[in-house]
Amino acid sequence: MKTLLLSPTQILGWWLEETVMKSMVPIVKLQSLSGKRLLSSIAKTRRQQDEKTLSVVQTIIADVRKNGDKALFAYTKKFDNVTLTAVTVRIRSSEIITQAKKAPTAFKTALTEAANRIIAYHSKQKSSVFRMVTKEGTLTQIVRPLNRVGVYVPGGYTVYPSSVLMDVIPAQIAGVSEIVAVMPVRGDLDPKIAFALDLLKVKEVYRVGGAQAIAALAYGTKSIRAVDKIVGPGNIFVALAKKMVYGMVDIDSVAGPSEVVILADASANPQWVALDLLAQAEHGSGNESALCITEDGAFAERVAACVTEAVEKSPMRAVFKKLKPNALCICIARNRDESIKLVNECAPEHLQIITKTYKEDVKNITNASAIFCGPFTPVALGDYYIGTNHVLPTGGAARFASPLGVESFIKRMSIAEISEKGLRACAKNVSILARAENFVHHAMSVEQRVGLTPQI
């Protein structure tokens, strides 16, 4: 009888395959070889860049920048099969109002309530000026809103009236005077989107989407004037376009696929955890990621079984089939410290903490865009209703970036007023520092005002 010898890699592959077959969710110990490989795979996926898509976006941006409306309308015809002219590219206010009336009454009530909560939360973010008196004079910080902002409202897979609220309300609270919305529209404007626009009194709206819309906002065309900043989520073409025009305009972030990390212990309901994982995996791109971290192996198995059962019964099965391998996975850590370390390394877009000790655990989180604490705070509340913003940094950007907010739409300006006495008091040190960096005229601009002889 012939003996079959398998390498560790083959054994790992077989084990992962068997796990996926049983539950579609791999379960790995964080410190094991399979765990390290799994996390490495997730990190690598985050860093991947589609060069072909990048090239397409570069071409679109260059074309719109050079040819304006002609290119904008041509790409809209090519990608959305919508024929536009200088007259039809803008959605008339009357059309917005007419379509808004068609939205279901229950939806109107819910969205209005959500808007009120978003306004209440973001109103607390208003920045204030400050003034301080120094030995030399006074220093002041003032705040000014951006003048003109472009809001991208995604379309295609579904409609996102909630994104209209999340993008527009903070800008309005900041005092932005001109808010422009762009969105792919095939046929009539969706009533739910129309109601959101009408509710917030957004009147400048264009039926263009994709990378071509981002280029138009950044560089301007005959039909669409350029903006100062572009915000709002979109597909990979939109995300890459925003990245490429940064510098010509500001952007909120280069948003990637939706992601969630759930830190849970055995006190959590495994069915709820399974649904929370799937909630972030149903966005439709196939690149979403949902990771559960726990220290309890038996609980991990229950969650995996619940995920498999939920997928089998789900009307979204076709969407889940598009997910990449290991998009849904469970890591078993040795202890809570190891779990929290992994959370901070992941720096996830959404973090749910469903543990008995979540009030203590959250104190140790340093990297996460939005945190949802306790068993009764699913991410969906933040996505739609409670008032926090759902436009969030992804792909680990929570290490250095923040959710969209009022501060995203303002700029700080410093004002200095120094007296003659104050200048004389600090001139010597300024001269020394300027000449140390070989900036002679910096130094002279101070020295000559007070008759100072250079020190070095």
Protein backbone atom coordinates (compact mmCIF):
# COMPACT_ATOMS: atom_id res chain seq x y z
CA MET A 1 0.00 0.00 0.00
CA LYS A 2 1.39 3.37 -1.03
CA THR A 3 1.65 6.07 1.66
CA LEU A 4 0.57 9.61 0.68
CA LEU A 5 2.71 12.33 2.25
CA LEU A 6 1.33 15.87 2.34
CA SER A 7 3.37 18.99 2.87
CA PRO A 8 2.30 21.49 5.58
CA THR A 9 1.08 23.82 2.82
CA GLN A 10 -1.06 21.08 1.31
CA ILE A 11 -2.46 20.19 4.71
CA LEU A 12 -3.28 23.85 5.34
CA GLY A 13 -4.96 24.15 1.96
CA TRP A 14 -7.02 21.01 2.60
CA TRP A 15 -7.99 22.23 6.07
CA LEU A 16 -9.11 25.63 4.81
CA GLU A 17 -11.01 24.03 1.94
CA GLU A 18 -12.79 21.69 4.29
CA THR A 19 -13.67 24.56 6.62
CA VAL A 20 -15.08 26.62 3.75
CA MET A 21 -17.09 23.64 2.51
CA LYS A 22 -18.63 23.11 5.91
CA SER A 23 -19.36 26.69 6.90
CA MET A 24 -18.03 28.96 4.13
CA VAL A 25 -16.17 30.76 6.95
CA PRO A 26 -12.57 29.77 7.76
CA ILE A 27 -11.76 29.61 11.47
CA VAL A 28 -8.09 30.10 12.31
CA LYS A 29 -6.02 30.55 15.43
CA LEU A 30 -4.33 33.91 15.24
CA GLN A 31 -0.84 32.64 16.11
CA SER A 32 -1.02 29.56 13.88
CA LEU A 33 0.57 29.33 10.45
CA SER A 34 -2.86 29.41 8.82
CA GLY A 35 -3.87 32.43 10.87
CA LYS A 36 -0.78 34.40 9.91
CA ARG A 37 -1.24 33.50 6.25
CA LEU A 38 -4.88 34.47 6.35
CA LEU A 39 -4.14 37.89 7.84
CA SER A 40 -1.30 38.39 5.38
CA SER A 41 -3.72 37.62 2.55
CA ILE A 42 -6.20 40.18 3.87
CA ALA A 43 -3.49 42.83 4.16
CA LYS A 44 -2.25 42.08 0.65
CA THR A 45 -5.76 42.40 -0.78
CA ARG A 46 -6.10 45.82 0.85
CA ARG A 47 -2.94 47.03 -0.86
CA GLN A 48 -3.73 45.71 -4.33
CA GLN A 49 -4.23 48.22 -7.11
CA ASP A 50 -5.83 47.36 -10.43
CA GLU A 51 -3.42 48.82 -12.97
CA LYS A 52 -5.88 48.33 -15.84
CA THR A 53 -8.60 50.29 -14.04
CA LEU A 54 -6.03 52.93 -13.09
CA SER A 55 -5.12 53.40 -16.74
CA VAL A 56 -8.77 53.74 -17.77
CA VAL A 57 -9.40 56.37 -15.10
CA GLN A 58 -6.30 58.35 -16.09
CA THR A 59 -7.53 58.45 -19.68
CA ILE A 60 -11.01 59.61 -18.67
CA ILE A 61 -9.69 62.39 -16.44
CA ALA A 62 -7.28 63.66 -19.08
CA ASP A 63 -10.03 63.62 -21.72
CA VAL A 64 -12.56 65.51 -19.60
CA ARG A 65 -9.90 67.99 -18.53
CA LYS A 66 -9.04 68.70 -22.16
CA ASN A 67 -12.41 68.40 -23.88
CA GLY A 68 -14.89 69.30 -21.14
CA ASP A 69 -18.56 68.63 -21.84
CA LYS A 70 -17.84 66.77 -25.06
CA ALA A 71 -15.87 64.09 -23.19
CA LEU A 72 -18.20 64.14 -20.18
CA PHE A 73 -21.25 63.45 -22.34
CA ALA A 74 -19.42 60.84 -24.43
CA TYR A 75 -18.42 58.78 -21.39
CA THR A 76 -21.91 59.08 -19.92
CA LYS A 77 -23.27 57.62 -23.17
CA LYS A 78 -20.61 54.90 -23.21
CA PHE A 79 -20.92 53.73 -19.61
CA ASP A 80 -24.51 54.60 -18.68
CA ASN A 81 -26.15 54.62 -22.12
CA VAL A 82 -27.58 58.07 -21.40
CA THR A 83 -27.50 60.81 -24.03
CA LEU A 84 -26.89 64.25 -22.52
CA THR A 85 -26.74 67.80 -23.75
CA ALA A 86 -25.84 71.07 -22.09
CA VAL A 87 -29.55 71.48 -21.37
CA THR A 88 -30.36 68.00 -20.04
CA VAL A 89 -27.22 67.36 -17.95
CA ARG A 90 -28.64 69.38 -15.07
CA ILE A 91 -31.66 67.99 -13.25
CA ARG A 92 -34.29 70.70 -12.96
CA SER A 93 -35.63 71.62 -9.53
CA SER A 94 -39.14 70.87 -10.77
CA GLU A 95 -38.09 67.31 -11.60
CA ILE A 96 -36.61 66.86 -8.13
CA ILE A 97 -39.80 68.09 -6.48
CA THR A 98 -42.06 65.97 -8.72
CA GLN A 99 -40.05 62.80 -8.13
CA ALA A 100 -39.75 63.46 -4.40
CA LYS A 101 -43.53 63.36 -4.06
CA LYS A 102 -43.50 59.77 -5.32
CA ALA A 103 -41.38 58.49 -2.41
CA PRO A 104 -43.27 56.25 0.04
CA THR A 105 -44.69 58.07 3.05
CA ALA A 106 -43.03 55.75 5.57
CA PHE A 107 -39.68 56.33 3.88
CA LYS A 108 -40.14 60.11 4.02
CA THR A 109 -40.86 59.94 7.75
CA ALA A 110 -37.87 57.71 8.46
CA LEU A 111 -35.44 59.77 6.39
CA THR A 112 -36.61 63.02 7.96
CA GLU A 113 -36.09 61.56 11.43
CA ALA A 114 -32.62 60.36 10.40
CA ALA A 115 -31.77 63.83 9.07
CA ASN A 116 -32.76 65.41 12.38
CA ARG A 117 -30.42 63.08 14.25
CA ILE A 118 -27.55 63.69 11.84
CA ILE A 119 -28.04 67.43 12.24
CA ALA A 120 -28.08 67.14 16.04
CA TYR A 121 -24.87 65.09 16.17
CA HIS A 122 -22.91 67.11 13.62
CA SER A 123 -23.96 70.45 15.11
CA LYS A 124 -21.75 69.56 18.09
CA GLN A 125 -18.74 69.53 15.75
CA LYS A 126 -18.77 73.24 15.00
CA SER A 127 -15.30 74.69 15.40
CA SER A 128 -14.77 77.89 17.32
CA VAL A 129 -12.16 80.58 16.95
CA PHE A 130 -9.61 81.29 19.63
CA ARG A 131 -7.38 84.21 20.48
CA MET A 132 -4.29 84.21 22.64
CA VAL A 133 -2.09 87.01 23.88
CA THR A 134 1.67 86.46 23.78
CA LYS A 135 4.65 88.58 24.79
CA GLU A 136 4.91 89.76 21.18
CA GLY A 137 1.24 90.47 20.39
CA THR A 138 -1.87 88.44 19.59
CA LEU A 139 -2.43 85.19 17.72
CA THR A 140 -5.86 84.22 16.49
CA GLN A 141 -7.40 81.25 14.71
CA ILE A 142 -10.46 81.85 12.58
CA VAL A 143 -12.56 79.34 10.67
CA ARG A 144 -14.02 79.75 7.20
CA PRO A 145 -16.23 77.31 5.28
CA LEU A 146 -15.26 76.07 1.84
CA ASN A 147 -17.08 77.95 -0.91
CA ARG A 148 -18.16 75.16 -3.27
CA VAL A 149 -18.34 71.41 -2.61
CA GLY A 150 -19.15 68.52 -4.91
CA VAL A 151 -21.09 65.57 -3.49
CA TYR A 152 -20.92 62.24 -5.29
CA VAL A 153 -24.05 60.15 -4.82
CA PRO A 154 -23.37 56.54 -5.88
CA GLY A 155 -25.77 54.58 -8.05
CA GLY A 156 -25.76 51.44 -10.13
CA TYR A 157 -26.02 48.58 -7.64
CA THR A 158 -28.69 50.36 -5.60
CA VAL A 159 -29.65 53.88 -4.51
CA TYR A 160 -28.21 55.65 -1.48
CA PRO A 161 -30.45 58.42 -0.13
CA SER A 162 -28.70 58.02 3.23
CA SER A 163 -25.43 59.09 1.60
CA VAL A 164 -27.06 62.33 0.49
CA LEU A 165 -27.75 63.14 4.15
CA MET A 166 -24.30 62.09 5.35
CA ASP A 167 -22.49 64.18 2.72
CA VAL A 168 -24.67 67.28 2.59
CA ILE A 169 -25.66 67.93 6.22
CA PRO A 170 -22.13 68.44 7.61
CA ALA A 171 -21.35 70.77 4.69
CA GLN A 172 -24.47 72.82 5.37
CA ILE A 173 -23.67 73.06 9.08
CA ALA A 174 -20.15 74.19 8.19
CA GLY A 175 -21.66 77.00 6.12
CA VAL A 176 -20.72 75.88 2.60
CA SER A 177 -22.63 78.22 0.29
CA GLU A 178 -22.67 76.07 -2.86
CA ILE A 179 -23.30 72.32 -2.72
CA VAL A 180 -23.33 70.44 -6.02
CA ALA A 181 -24.54 66.85 -6.36
CA VAL A 182 -23.61 64.47 -9.17
CA MET A 183 -24.98 60.99 -9.69
CA PRO A 184 -25.49 58.42 -12.43
CA VAL A 185 -29.15 58.58 -13.49
CA ARG A 186 -30.54 56.12 -16.01
CA GLY A 187 -34.09 57.15 -16.79
CA ASP A 188 -36.08 59.03 -14.16
CA LEU A 189 -34.50 60.33 -10.97
CA ASP A 190 -35.17 57.88 -8.15
CA PRO A 191 -37.93 59.24 -5.86
CA LYS A 192 -36.01 58.39 -2.68
CA ILE A 193 -32.92 60.26 -3.87
CA ALA A 194 -35.14 63.11 -5.02
CA PHE A 195 -36.77 63.34 -1.59
CA ALA A 196 -33.37 63.47 0.14
CA LEU A 197 -32.24 66.26 -2.19
CA ASP A 198 -35.48 68.17 -1.75
CA LEU A 199 -35.43 67.72 2.03
CA LEU A 200 -32.00 69.37 2.20
CA LYS A 201 -32.79 71.94 -0.53
CA VAL A 202 -29.94 70.84 -2.80
CA LYS A 203 -30.76 72.52 -6.10
CA GLU A 204 -27.65 72.10 -8.26
CA VAL A 205 -27.75 68.46 -9.36
CA TYR A 206 -26.25 66.80 -12.45
CA ARG A 207 -27.05 63.42 -13.98
CA VAL A 208 -23.43 62.29 -14.45
CA GLY A 209 -21.45 59.69 -12.55
CA GLY A 210 -18.23 57.70 -12.62
CA ALA A 211 -14.70 58.98 -13.07
CA GLN A 212 -15.93 61.48 -15.65
CA ALA A 213 -18.11 63.21 -13.04
CA ILE A 214 -15.16 63.48 -10.65
CA ALA A 215 -13.03 65.01 -13.43
CA ALA A 216 -15.77 67.51 -14.24
CA LEU A 217 -16.03 68.58 -10.60
CA ALA A 218 -12.27 68.92 -10.27
CA TYR A 219 -11.46 70.78 -13.48
CA GLY A 220 -14.81 72.22 -14.49
CA THR A 221 -16.58 72.11 -17.84
CA LYS A 222 -18.90 74.54 -19.61
CA SER A 223 -21.88 72.93 -17.84
CA ILE A 224 -20.36 72.21 -14.42
CA ARG A 225 -18.22 74.71 -12.55
CA ALA A 226 -15.24 73.34 -10.62
CA VAL A 227 -15.50 72.80 -6.87
CA ASP A 228 -13.10 73.12 -3.94
CA LYS A 229 -13.68 69.63 -2.51
CA ILE A 230 -15.26 66.34 -3.56
CA VAL A 231 -16.85 63.98 -1.03
CA GLY A 232 -18.93 60.83 -1.14
CA PRO A 233 -18.47 57.11 -1.70
CA GLY A 234 -18.37 55.39 -5.07
CA ASN A 235 -16.98 52.41 -6.95
CA ILE A 236 -13.32 51.77 -7.74
CA PHE A 237 -13.42 54.14 -10.74
CA VAL A 238 -14.73 56.95 -8.56
CA ALA A 239 -12.26 56.22 -5.75
CA LEU A 240 -9.26 56.22 -8.09
CA ALA A 241 -10.47 59.36 -9.84
CA LYS A 242 -10.74 61.18 -6.52
CA LYS A 243 -7.22 60.08 -5.66
CA MET A 244 -5.89 61.39 -8.99
CA VAL A 245 -7.51 64.83 -8.75
CA TYR A 246 -6.40 65.40 -5.16
CA GLY A 247 -4.29 68.53 -5.11
CA MET A 248 -6.41 70.25 -7.71
CA VAL A 249 -9.25 69.85 -5.20
CA ASP A 250 -9.49 68.39 -1.73
CA ILE A 251 -11.23 65.04 -1.18
CA ASP A 252 -12.67 63.29 1.85
CA SER A 253 -10.78 60.01 1.40
CA VAL A 254 -10.04 57.26 -1.10
CA ALA A 255 -12.74 54.90 0.08
CA GLY A 256 -12.44 51.20 -0.60
CA PRO A 257 -14.82 48.28 -0.12
CA SER A 258 -16.88 48.10 3.04
CA GLU A 259 -15.31 46.29 5.99
CA VAL A 260 -16.13 45.32 9.55
CA VAL A 261 -14.30 43.75 12.46
CA ILE A 262 -16.42 42.27 15.24
CA LEU A 263 -14.78 41.61 18.61
CA ALA A 264 -17.09 39.19 20.41
CA ASP A 265 -17.09 36.78 23.32
CA ALA A 266 -19.41 33.91 24.23
CA SER A 267 -21.94 36.34 25.72
CA ALA A 268 -22.81 37.49 22.21
CA ASN A 269 -25.67 36.00 20.22
CA PRO A 270 -23.95 34.07 17.38
CA GLN A 271 -26.89 34.64 15.02
CA TRP A 272 -26.64 38.39 15.54
CA VAL A 273 -22.89 38.31 14.95
CA ALA A 274 -23.44 36.31 11.75
CA LEU A 275 -25.96 38.86 10.47
CA ASP A 276 -23.62 41.73 11.36
CA LEU A 277 -20.84 40.09 9.33
CA LEU A 278 -23.14 39.58 6.37
CA ALA A 279 -24.49 43.13 6.62
CA GLN A 280 -21.11 44.48 5.53
CA ALA A 281 -20.56 41.71 3.00
CA GLU A 282 -23.71 42.47 1.01
CA HIS A 283 -22.58 45.74 -0.58
CA GLY A 284 -22.14 44.00 -3.91
CA SER A 285 -18.59 44.67 -5.13
CA GLY A 286 -17.29 41.27 -4.06
CA ASN A 287 -14.32 42.90 -2.34
CA GLU A 288 -15.91 43.46 1.05
CA SER A 289 -14.35 41.97 4.19
CA ALA A 290 -15.86 40.89 7.49
CA LEU A 291 -13.73 39.52 10.32
CA CYS A 292 -14.84 38.20 13.68
CA ILE A 293 -12.27 38.02 16.49
CA THR A 294 -12.94 35.94 19.58
CA GLU A 295 -11.05 34.00 22.24
CA ASP A 296 -13.60 31.18 22.35
CA GLY A 297 -13.27 28.33 19.84
CA ALA A 298 -16.73 26.90 20.47
CA PHE A 299 -18.29 30.33 19.95
CA ALA A 300 -16.35 30.71 16.71
CA GLU A 301 -17.85 27.48 15.41
CA ARG A 302 -21.36 28.60 16.33
CA VAL A 303 -20.88 31.90 14.48
CA ALA A 304 -19.52 30.09 11.41
CA ALA A 305 -22.49 27.73 11.40
CA CYS A 306 -24.91 30.66 11.74
CA VAL A 307 -23.27 32.47 8.82
CA THR A 308 -23.62 29.40 6.59
CA GLU A 309 -27.25 28.92 7.60
CA ALA A 310 -28.04 32.62 7.06
CA VAL A 311 -26.46 32.62 3.59
CA GLU A 312 -28.44 29.55 2.55
CA LYS A 313 -31.69 31.30 3.49
CA SER A 314 -30.70 34.75 2.24
CA PRO A 315 -32.27 36.50 -0.76
CA MET A 316 -28.77 37.95 -1.28
CA ARG A 317 -27.08 34.60 -1.93
CA ALA A 318 -25.96 35.64 -5.39
CA VAL A 319 -24.18 38.67 -3.89
CA PHE A 320 -22.39 36.56 -1.28
CA LYS A 321 -21.18 34.17 -3.98
CA LYS A 322 -19.21 37.07 -5.49
CA LEU A 323 -17.13 37.49 -2.33
CA LYS A 324 -13.42 36.77 -2.48
CA PRO A 325 -12.02 33.78 -0.58
CA ASN A 326 -11.63 34.60 3.13
CA ALA A 327 -13.84 37.68 2.81
CA LEU A 328 -15.70 36.24 5.78
CA CYS A 329 -13.45 34.73 8.44
CA ILE A 330 -13.06 34.17 12.17
CA CYS A 331 -9.83 34.50 14.15
CA ILE A 332 -9.32 32.92 17.55
CA ALA A 333 -6.97 34.91 19.78
CA ARG A 334 -5.35 33.65 22.96
CA ASN A 335 -6.60 36.51 25.11
CA ARG A 336 -8.28 39.91 24.98
CA ASP A 337 -4.99 41.80 24.72
CA GLU A 338 -4.14 39.84 21.57
CA SER A 339 -7.63 40.48 20.19
CA ILE A 340 -7.38 44.21 20.72
CA LYS A 341 -3.90 44.31 19.23
CA LEU A 342 -5.29 42.72 16.07
CA VAL A 343 -8.16 45.23 15.95
CA ASN A 344 -5.74 48.14 16.16
CA GLU A 345 -3.53 46.61 13.46
CA CYS A 346 -6.54 46.18 11.18
CA ALA A 347 -7.76 49.77 11.83
CA PRO A 348 -11.18 48.82 10.44
CA GLU A 349 -13.84 51.01 8.91
CA HIS A 350 -16.46 49.59 11.27
CA LEU A 351 -15.71 47.98 14.63
CA GLN A 352 -18.33 46.25 16.73
CA ILE A 353 -17.46 45.25 20.29
CA ILE A 354 -19.93 42.71 21.63
CA THR A 355 -18.31 41.54 24.85
CA LYS A 356 -19.26 41.56 28.52
CA THR A 357 -16.46 44.05 29.08
CA TYR A 358 -17.03 46.29 26.05
CA LYS A 359 -16.93 49.47 28.16
CA GLU A 360 -13.39 48.62 29.21
CA ASP A 361 -12.35 47.14 25.86
CA VAL A 362 -13.23 50.29 23.93
CA LYS A 363 -10.76 52.29 26.04
CA ASN A 364 -7.93 50.31 24.44
CA ILE A 365 -8.98 50.89 20.83
CA THR A 366 -6.74 53.39 19.03
CA ASN A 367 -7.54 52.64 15.39
CA ALA A 368 -11.10 52.37 14.09
CA SER A 369 -13.22 54.72 12.00
CA ALA A 370 -16.52 54.07 13.79
CA ILE A 371 -17.08 51.94 16.90
CA PHE A 372 -20.37 50.29 17.86
CA CYS A 373 -20.53 49.05 21.45
CA GLY A 374 -22.72 46.37 22.99
CA PRO A 375 -25.15 43.80 21.62
CA PHE A 376 -27.83 46.34 20.64
CA THR A 377 -25.69 48.62 18.46
CA PRO A 378 -25.33 47.07 15.01
CA VAL A 379 -23.51 49.05 12.32
CA ALA A 380 -26.80 49.57 10.47
CA LEU A 381 -27.80 52.14 13.10
CA GLY A 382 -24.83 54.31 12.17
CA ASP A 383 -25.33 53.69 8.48
CA TYR A 384 -28.80 55.14 8.56
CA TYR A 385 -30.24 56.70 11.63
CA ILE A 386 -28.56 57.55 14.93
CA GLY A 387 -26.64 60.57 13.66
CA THR A 388 -23.02 59.50 13.28
CA ASN A 389 -21.58 59.67 9.77
CA HIS A 390 -21.23 56.60 7.55
CA VAL A 391 -18.68 58.14 5.17
CA LEU A 392 -15.63 56.54 6.77
CA PRO A 393 -11.96 55.81 6.08
CA THR A 394 -11.36 52.24 4.89
CA GLY A 395 -8.44 49.96 4.17
CA GLY A 396 -6.59 50.76 7.39
CA ALA A 397 -6.82 54.54 6.89
CA ALA A 398 -8.38 54.81 10.36
CA ARG A 399 -4.77 54.94 11.55
CA PHE A 400 -4.64 58.56 10.41
CA ALA A 401 -8.05 59.66 9.08
CA SER A 402 -11.45 60.50 10.56
CA PRO A 403 -15.11 60.14 9.57
CA LEU A 404 -16.64 62.84 7.38
CA GLY A 405 -17.81 65.70 9.55
CA VAL A 406 -18.25 69.45 9.80
CA GLU A 407 -14.48 69.91 10.08
CA SER A 408 -14.18 68.28 6.64
CA PHE A 409 -15.77 71.38 5.10
CA ILE A 410 -13.89 74.15 6.84
CA LYS A 411 -10.44 75.63 6.66
CA ARG A 412 -8.53 77.19 9.55
CA MET A 413 -6.76 80.49 9.08
CA SER A 414 -4.18 81.97 11.42
CA ILE A 415 -3.93 85.70 12.10
CA ALA A 416 -0.94 87.32 13.79
CA GLU A 417 -0.67 90.91 14.98
CA ILE A 418 2.68 91.76 16.54
CA SER A 419 3.54 95.13 18.07
CA GLU A 420 6.77 97.01 17.42
CA LYS A 421 7.85 96.17 20.94
CA GLY A 422 7.04 92.53 20.34
CA LEU A 423 9.05 92.47 17.11
CA ARG A 424 12.06 93.98 18.86
CA ALA A 425 11.78 91.37 21.59
CA CYS A 426 11.84 88.38 19.21
CA ALA A 427 13.89 89.72 16.27
CA LYS A 428 17.23 88.38 17.50
CA ASN A 429 16.00 84.79 17.80
CA VAL A 430 14.16 84.94 14.47
CA SER A 431 17.31 86.21 12.79
CA ILE A 432 19.41 83.43 14.28
CA LEU A 433 16.98 80.73 13.20
CA ALA A 434 16.53 82.10 9.67
CA ARG A 435 20.26 82.45 9.04
CA ALA A 436 20.85 78.95 10.45
CA GLU A 437 18.72 77.69 7.57
CA ASN A 438 20.50 80.01 5.10
CA PHE A 439 17.40 82.09 4.42
CA VAL A 440 19.11 85.44 4.39
CA HIS A 441 16.21 87.61 3.32
CA HIS A 442 13.94 86.05 5.92
CA ALA A 443 16.42 87.32 8.46
CA MET A 444 16.88 90.71 6.80
CA SER A 445 13.13 91.33 6.69
CA VAL A 446 13.21 91.27 10.48
CA GLU A 447 16.62 92.83 11.10
CA GLN A 448 16.02 95.98 9.06
CA ARG A 449 12.75 96.72 10.79
CA VAL A 450 14.50 97.02 14.14
CA GLY A 451 18.05 97.96 13.12
CA LEU A 452 19.48 94.62 14.24
CA THR A 453 23.02 93.54 13.39
CA PRO A 454 23.10 89.93 12.17
CA GLN A 455 24.17 87.53 14.94
CA ILE A 456 25.61 84.74 12.77
